[in-house]
Amino acid sequence: MKYEPDPEELGLYWASRETPLKKVFAYRPESVYANVDVDLNGVTLDTDKICADFGCPQLTAPDNIIGTTQ
């Protein structure tokens, strides 16, 4: 991923400017839906409503996630 939106920097564009470091390090892989807070337009999202509308499957094998602490 590109850290800065610079044409000389190698990497993909889709996450630049939209993902601050605070959000990166606060990510909780054991509950992906708990990371939902706002959409791309900055509108606040409600995790309970998203799960009610679309269903939110739970992690069934947390041992498969490596490199994080619990």
PDB file of N, CA and C in Angstrom:
ATOM      1  N   MET A   1       0.825  -1.183   0.000  1.00  0.00           N
ATOM      2  CA  MET A   1       0.000   0.000   0.000  1.00  0.00           C
ATOM      3  C   MET A   1       0.874   1.255   0.000  1.00  0.00           C
ATOM      4  N   LYS A   2       0.412   2.233  -0.699  1.00  0.00           N
ATOM      5  CA  LYS A   2       1.114   3.518  -0.698  1.00  0.00           C
ATOM      6  C   LYS A   2       0.894   4.193   0.654  1.00  0.00           C
ATOM      7  N   TYR A   3       1.946   4.755   1.192  1.00  0.00           N
ATOM      8  CA  TYR A   3       1.799   5.510   2.432  1.00  0.00           C
ATOM      9  C   TYR A   3       1.365   6.940   2.107  1.00  0.00           C
ATOM     10  N   GLU A   4       1.840   7.461   0.991  1.00  0.00           N
ATOM     11  CA  GLU A   4       1.489   8.807   0.541  1.00  0.00           C
ATOM     12  C   GLU A   4       0.986   8.738  -0.900  1.00  0.00           C
ATOM     13  N   PRO A   5       0.084   9.627  -1.302  1.00  0.00           N
ATOM     14  CA  PRO A   5      -0.398   9.631  -2.686  1.00  0.00           C
ATOM     15  C   PRO A   5       0.613  10.300  -3.618  1.00  0.00           C
ATOM     16  N   ASP A   6       1.711   9.659  -3.836  1.00  0.00           N
ATOM     17  CA  ASP A   6       2.790  10.186  -4.676  1.00  0.00           C
ATOM     18  C   ASP A   6       2.955   9.255  -5.872  1.00  0.00           C
ATOM     19  N   PRO A   7       2.973   9.786  -7.106  1.00  0.00           N
ATOM     20  CA  PRO A   7       3.085   8.916  -8.276  1.00  0.00           C
ATOM     21  C   PRO A   7       4.398   8.134  -8.332  1.00  0.00           C
ATOM     22  N   GLU A   8       5.413   8.572  -7.604  1.00  0.00           N
ATOM     23  CA  GLU A   8       6.699   7.879  -7.593  1.00  0.00           C
ATOM     24  C   GLU A   8       6.727   6.718  -6.594  1.00  0.00           C
ATOM     25  N   GLU A   9       5.791   6.705  -5.673  1.00  0.00           N
ATOM     26  CA  GLU A   9       5.785   5.656  -4.648  1.00  0.00           C
ATOM     27  C   GLU A   9       5.091   4.413  -5.177  1.00  0.00           C
ATOM     28  N   LEU A  10       5.729   3.255  -4.995  1.00  0.00           N
ATOM     29  CA  LEU A  10       5.174   1.997  -5.468  1.00  0.00           C
ATOM     30  C   LEU A  10       4.069   1.524  -4.539  1.00  0.00           C
ATOM     31  N   GLY A  11       3.102   0.850  -5.097  1.00  0.00           N
ATOM     32  CA  GLY A  11       2.027   0.290  -4.287  1.00  0.00           C
ATOM     33  C   GLY A  11       0.670   0.582  -4.886  1.00  0.00           C
ATOM     34  N   LEU A  12      -0.368   0.122  -4.213  1.00  0.00           N
ATOM     35  CA  LEU A  12      -1.736   0.309  -4.678  1.00  0.00           C
ATOM     36  C   LEU A  12      -2.337   1.584  -4.117  1.00  0.00           C
ATOM     37  N   TYR A  13      -3.299   2.154  -4.823  1.00  0.00           N
ATOM     38  CA  TYR A  13      -3.907   3.430  -4.426  1.00  0.00           C
ATOM     39  C   TYR A  13      -5.131   3.293  -3.529  1.00  0.00           C
ATOM     40  N   TRP A  14      -5.833   2.185  -3.570  1.00  0.00           N
ATOM     41  CA  TRP A  14      -7.161   2.132  -2.989  1.00  0.00           C
ATOM     42  C   TRP A  14      -7.218   2.438  -1.495  1.00  0.00           C
ATOM     43  N   ALA A  15      -6.146   2.316  -0.755  1.00  0.00           N
ATOM     44  CA  ALA A  15      -6.203   2.594   0.677  1.00  0.00           C
ATOM     45  C   ALA A  15      -5.548   3.915   1.066  1.00  0.00           C
ATOM     46  N   SER A  16      -4.864   4.561   0.154  1.00  0.00           N
ATOM     47  CA  SER A  16      -4.181   5.804   0.533  1.00  0.00           C
ATOM     48  C   SER A  16      -5.189   6.901   0.839  1.00  0.00           C
ATOM     49  N   ARG A  17      -4.855   7.750   1.758  1.00  0.00           N
ATOM     50  CA  ARG A  17      -5.660   8.888   2.235  1.00  0.00           C
ATOM     51  C   ARG A  17      -6.897   8.475   3.021  1.00  0.00           C
ATOM     52  N   GLU A  18      -7.361   7.272   2.885  1.00  0.00           N
ATOM     53  CA  GLU A  18      -8.596   6.850   3.540  1.00  0.00           C
ATOM     54  C   GLU A  18      -8.356   6.012   4.791  1.00  0.00           C
ATOM     55  N   THR A  19      -7.122   5.592   5.030  1.00  0.00           N
ATOM     56  CA  THR A  19      -6.844   4.706   6.150  1.00  0.00           C
ATOM     57  C   THR A  19      -5.731   5.284   7.025  1.00  0.00           C
ATOM     58  N   PRO A  20      -6.084   6.020   8.086  1.00  0.00           N
ATOM     59  CA  PRO A  20      -5.057   6.555   8.978  1.00  0.00           C
ATOM     60  C   PRO A  20      -4.410   5.451   9.810  1.00  0.00           C
ATOM     61  N   LEU A  21      -3.191   5.694  10.269  1.00  0.00           N
ATOM     62  CA  LEU A  21      -2.475   4.680  11.048  1.00  0.00           C
ATOM     63  C   LEU A  21      -3.224   4.259  12.305  1.00  0.00           C
ATOM     64  N   LYS A  22      -3.931   5.188  12.932  1.00  0.00           N
ATOM     65  CA  LYS A  22      -4.692   4.837  14.134  1.00  0.00           C
ATOM     66  C   LYS A  22      -5.703   3.734  13.819  1.00  0.00           C
ATOM     67  N   LYS A  23      -6.359   3.836  12.660  1.00  0.00           N
ATOM     68  CA  LYS A  23      -7.337   2.822  12.285  1.00  0.00           C
ATOM     69  C   LYS A  23      -6.652   1.498  11.939  1.00  0.00           C
ATOM     70  N   VAL A  24      -5.500   1.560  11.317  1.00  0.00           N
ATOM     71  CA  VAL A  24      -4.758   0.353  10.963  1.00  0.00           C
ATOM     72  C   VAL A  24      -4.391  -0.433  12.213  1.00  0.00           C
ATOM     73  N   PHE A  25      -3.843   0.243  13.224  1.00  0.00           N
ATOM     74  CA  PHE A  25      -3.402  -0.455  14.426  1.00  0.00           C
ATOM     75  C   PHE A  25      -4.538  -0.795  15.378  1.00  0.00           C
ATOM     76  N   ALA A  26      -5.708  -0.205  15.181  1.00  0.00           N
ATOM     77  CA  ALA A  26      -6.868  -0.524  16.018  1.00  0.00           C
ATOM     78  C   ALA A  26      -7.708  -1.648  15.427  1.00  0.00           C
ATOM     79  N   TYR A  27      -7.336  -2.127  14.235  1.00  0.00           N
ATOM     80  CA  TYR A  27      -8.099  -3.171  13.558  1.00  0.00           C
ATOM     81  C   TYR A  27      -8.166  -4.441  14.400  1.00  0.00           C
ATOM     82  N   ARG A  28      -9.357  -5.029  14.501  1.00  0.00           N
ATOM     83  CA  ARG A  28      -9.577  -6.243  15.280  1.00  0.00           C
ATOM     84  C   ARG A  28      -9.968  -7.383  14.342  1.00  0.00           C
ATOM     85  N   PRO A  29      -9.012  -8.232  13.956  1.00  0.00           N
ATOM     86  CA  PRO A  29      -9.329  -9.298  12.998  1.00  0.00           C
ATOM     87  C   PRO A  29     -10.261 -10.372  13.550  1.00  0.00           C
ATOM     88  N   GLU A  30     -10.347 -10.497  14.862  1.00  0.00           N
ATOM     89  CA  GLU A  30     -11.206 -11.539  15.432  1.00  0.00           C
ATOM     90  C   GLU A  30     -12.682 -11.189  15.293  1.00  0.00           C
ATOM     91  N   SER A  31     -12.999  -9.939  15.023  1.00  0.00           N
ATOM     92  CA  SER A  31     -14.384  -9.509  14.826  1.00  0.00           C
ATOM     93  C   SER A  31     -14.399  -8.426  13.757  1.00  0.00           C
ATOM     94  N   VAL A  32     -14.389  -8.844  12.515  1.00  0.00           N
ATOM     95  CA  VAL A  32     -14.282  -7.912  11.394  1.00  0.00           C
ATOM     96  C   VAL A  32     -15.384  -6.855  11.445  1.00  0.00           C
ATOM     97  N   TYR A  33     -16.581  -7.236  11.808  1.00  0.00           N
ATOM     98  CA  TYR A  33     -17.697  -6.298  11.806  1.00  0.00           C
ATOM     99  C   TYR A  33     -17.617  -5.286  12.941  1.00  0.00           C
ATOM    100  N   ALA A  34     -16.837  -5.555  13.970  1.00  0.00           N
ATOM    101  CA  ALA A  34     -16.644  -4.589  15.046  1.00  0.00           C
ATOM    102  C   ALA A  34     -15.803  -3.402  14.572  1.00  0.00           C
ATOM    103  N   ASN A  35     -15.138  -3.541  13.431  1.00  0.00           N
ATOM    104  CA  ASN A  35     -14.322  -2.461  12.883  1.00  0.00           C
ATOM    105  C   ASN A  35     -15.131  -1.447  12.078  1.00  0.00           C
ATOM    106  N   VAL A  36     -16.390  -1.735  11.829  1.00  0.00           N
ATOM    107  CA  VAL A  36     -17.231  -0.838  11.042  1.00  0.00           C
ATOM    108  C   VAL A  36     -17.516   0.421  11.840  1.00  0.00           C
ATOM    109  N   ASP A  37     -17.225   1.585  11.254  1.00  0.00           N
ATOM    110  CA  ASP A  37     -17.567   2.829  11.942  1.00  0.00           C
ATOM    111  C   ASP A  37     -18.200   3.845  10.997  1.00  0.00           C
ATOM    112  N   VAL A  38     -17.583   4.113   9.859  1.00  0.00           N
ATOM    113  CA  VAL A  38     -18.149   5.053   8.882  1.00  0.00           C
ATOM    114  C   VAL A  38     -17.981   4.492   7.472  1.00  0.00           C
ATOM    115  N   ASP A  39     -18.831   4.967   6.556  1.00  0.00           N
ATOM    116  CA  ASP A  39     -18.670   4.558   5.158  1.00  0.00           C
ATOM    117  C   ASP A  39     -17.714   5.521   4.455  1.00  0.00           C
ATOM    118  N   LEU A  40     -17.520   5.354   3.158  1.00  0.00           N
ATOM    119  CA  LEU A  40     -16.569   6.193   2.423  1.00  0.00           C
ATOM    120  C   LEU A  40     -16.962   7.658   2.378  1.00  0.00           C
ATOM    121  N   ASN A  41     -18.236   7.967   2.640  1.00  0.00           N
ATOM    122  CA  ASN A  41     -18.700   9.350   2.653  1.00  0.00           C
ATOM    123  C   ASN A  41     -18.646   9.967   4.043  1.00  0.00           C
ATOM    124  N   GLY A  42     -18.187   9.196   5.034  1.00  0.00           N
ATOM    125  CA  GLY A  42     -18.096   9.709   6.398  1.00  0.00           C
ATOM    126  C   GLY A  42     -19.363   9.550   7.209  1.00  0.00           C
ATOM    127  N   VAL A  43     -20.358   8.870   6.654  1.00  0.00           N
ATOM    128  CA  VAL A  43     -21.615   8.646   7.361  1.00  0.00           C
ATOM    129  C   VAL A  43     -21.408   7.545   8.391  1.00  0.00           C
ATOM    130  N   THR A  44     -21.810   7.799   9.634  1.00  0.00           N
ATOM    131  CA  THR A  44     -21.657   6.826  10.708  1.00  0.00           C
ATOM    132  C   THR A  44     -22.529   5.608  10.441  1.00  0.00           C
ATOM    133  N   LEU A  45     -21.934   4.434  10.596  1.00  0.00           N
ATOM    134  CA  LEU A  45     -22.646   3.177  10.382  1.00  0.00           C
ATOM    135  C   LEU A  45     -22.893   2.494  11.713  1.00  0.00           C
ATOM    136  N   ASP A  46     -23.983   1.768  11.790  1.00  0.00           N
ATOM    137  CA  ASP A  46     -24.360   1.046  12.994  1.00  0.00           C
ATOM    138  C   ASP A  46     -24.149  -0.449  12.754  1.00  0.00           C
ATOM    139  N   THR A  47     -23.219  -1.035  13.491  1.00  0.00           N
ATOM    140  CA  THR A  47     -22.892  -2.450  13.319  1.00  0.00           C
ATOM    141  C   THR A  47     -24.110  -3.342  13.532  1.00  0.00           C
ATOM    142  N   ASP A  48     -24.955  -3.021  14.518  1.00  0.00           N
ATOM    143  CA  ASP A  48     -26.143  -3.842  14.778  1.00  0.00           C
ATOM    144  C   ASP A  48     -27.080  -3.856  13.576  1.00  0.00           C
ATOM    145  N   LYS A  49     -27.254  -2.697  12.931  1.00  0.00           N
ATOM    146  CA  LYS A  49     -28.132  -2.621  11.759  1.00  0.00           C
ATOM    147  C   LYS A  49     -27.522  -3.376  10.578  1.00  0.00           C
ATOM    148  N   ILE A  50     -26.227  -3.247  10.383  1.00  0.00           N
ATOM    149  CA  ILE A  50     -25.570  -3.959   9.289  1.00  0.00           C
ATOM    150  C   ILE A  50     -25.731  -5.464   9.472  1.00  0.00           C
ATOM    151  N   CYS A  51     -25.517  -5.941  10.690  1.00  0.00           N
ATOM    152  CA  CYS A  51     -25.644  -7.377  10.956  1.00  0.00           C
ATOM    153  C   CYS A  51     -27.090  -7.846  10.814  1.00  0.00           C
ATOM    154  N   ALA A  52     -28.046  -7.011  11.178  1.00  0.00           N
ATOM    155  CA  ALA A  52     -29.451  -7.374  11.032  1.00  0.00           C
ATOM    156  C   ALA A  52     -29.839  -7.457   9.560  1.00  0.00           C
ATOM    157  N   ASP A  53     -29.293  -6.544   8.744  1.00  0.00           N
ATOM    158  CA  ASP A  53     -29.631  -6.501   7.317  1.00  0.00           C
ATOM    159  C   ASP A  53     -28.914  -7.578   6.506  1.00  0.00           C
ATOM    160  N   PHE A  54     -27.647  -7.807   6.801  1.00  0.00           N
ATOM    161  CA  PHE A  54     -26.824  -8.663   5.952  1.00  0.00           C
ATOM    162  C   PHE A  54     -26.310  -9.931   6.640  1.00  0.00           C
ATOM    163  N   GLY A  55     -26.429  -9.996   7.954  1.00  0.00           N
ATOM    164  CA  GLY A  55     -25.865 -11.125   8.694  1.00  0.00           C
ATOM    165  C   GLY A  55     -24.370 -10.934   8.878  1.00  0.00           C
ATOM    166  N   CYS A  56     -23.868 -11.267  10.016  1.00  0.00           N
ATOM    167  CA  CYS A  56     -22.446 -11.112  10.317  1.00  0.00           C
ATOM    168  C   CYS A  56     -21.914 -12.435  10.858  1.00  0.00           C
ATOM    169  N   PRO A  57     -21.380 -13.267   9.989  1.00  0.00           N
ATOM    170  CA  PRO A  57     -20.857 -14.551  10.476  1.00  0.00           C
ATOM    171  C   PRO A  57     -19.707 -14.348  11.460  1.00  0.00           C
ATOM    172  N   GLN A  58     -19.642 -15.199  12.444  1.00  0.00           N
ATOM    173  CA  GLN A  58     -18.610 -15.120  13.470  1.00  0.00           C
ATOM    174  C   GLN A  58     -17.396 -15.936  13.065  1.00  0.00           C
ATOM    175  N   LEU A  59     -16.259 -15.559  13.580  1.00  0.00           N
ATOM    176  CA  LEU A  59     -15.019 -16.277  13.337  1.00  0.00           C
ATOM    177  C   LEU A  59     -15.110 -17.652  14.000  1.00  0.00           C
ATOM    178  N   THR A  60     -14.860 -18.697  13.212  1.00  0.00           N
ATOM    179  CA  THR A  60     -14.990 -20.045  13.760  1.00  0.00           C
ATOM    180  C   THR A  60     -13.652 -20.673  14.119  1.00  0.00           C
ATOM    181  N   ALA A  61     -12.552 -20.142  13.596  1.00  0.00           N
ATOM    182  CA  ALA A  61     -11.228 -20.707  13.882  1.00  0.00           C
ATOM    183  C   ALA A  61     -10.244 -19.580  14.175  1.00  0.00           C
ATOM    184  N   PRO A  62     -10.319 -18.961  15.361  1.00  0.00           N
ATOM    185  CA  PRO A  62      -9.417 -17.846  15.669  1.00  0.00           C
ATOM    186  C   PRO A  62      -7.950 -18.226  15.683  1.00  0.00           C
ATOM    187  N   ASP A  63      -7.642 -19.503  15.827  1.00  0.00           N
ATOM    188  CA  ASP A  63      -6.238 -19.931  15.807  1.00  0.00           C
ATOM    189  C   ASP A  63      -5.599 -19.779  14.431  1.00  0.00           C
ATOM    190  N   ASN A  64      -6.437 -19.593  13.402  1.00  0.00           N
ATOM    191  CA  ASN A  64      -5.914 -19.406  12.057  1.00  0.00           C
ATOM    192  C   ASN A  64      -5.373 -17.990  11.834  1.00  0.00           C
ATOM    193  N   ILE A  65      -5.664 -17.074  12.740  1.00  0.00           N
ATOM    194  CA  ILE A  65      -5.149 -15.706  12.623  1.00  0.00           C
ATOM    195  C   ILE A  65      -3.836 -15.644  13.382  1.00  0.00           C
ATOM    196  N   ILE A  66      -2.766 -15.332  12.667  1.00  0.00           N
ATOM    197  CA  ILE A  66      -1.450 -15.244  13.315  1.00  0.00           C
ATOM    198  C   ILE A  66      -0.950 -13.810  13.239  1.00  0.00           C
ATOM    199  N   GLY A  67      -0.077 -13.465  14.142  1.00  0.00           N
ATOM    200  CA  GLY A  67       0.555 -12.159  14.129  1.00  0.00           C
ATOM    201  C   GLY A  67      -0.186 -11.100  14.910  1.00  0.00           C
ATOM    202  N   THR A  68      -1.225 -11.472  15.645  1.00  0.00           N
ATOM    203  CA  THR A  68      -1.947 -10.502  16.473  1.00  0.00           C
ATOM    204  C   THR A  68      -1.972 -11.001  17.906  1.00  0.00           C
ATOM    205  N   THR A  69      -2.185 -10.099  18.820  1.00  0.00           N
ATOM    206  CA  THR A  69      -2.302 -10.487  20.234  1.00  0.00           C
ATOM    207  C   THR A  69      -3.748 -10.329  20.644  1.00  0.00           C
ATOM    208  N   GLN A  70      -4.152 -11.076  21.611  1.00  0.00           N
ATOM    209  CA  GLN A  70      -5.524 -11.012  22.075  1.00  0.00           C
ATOM    210  C   GLN A  70      -5.604 -10.353  23.409  1.00  0.00           C
TER     211      GLN A  70
END
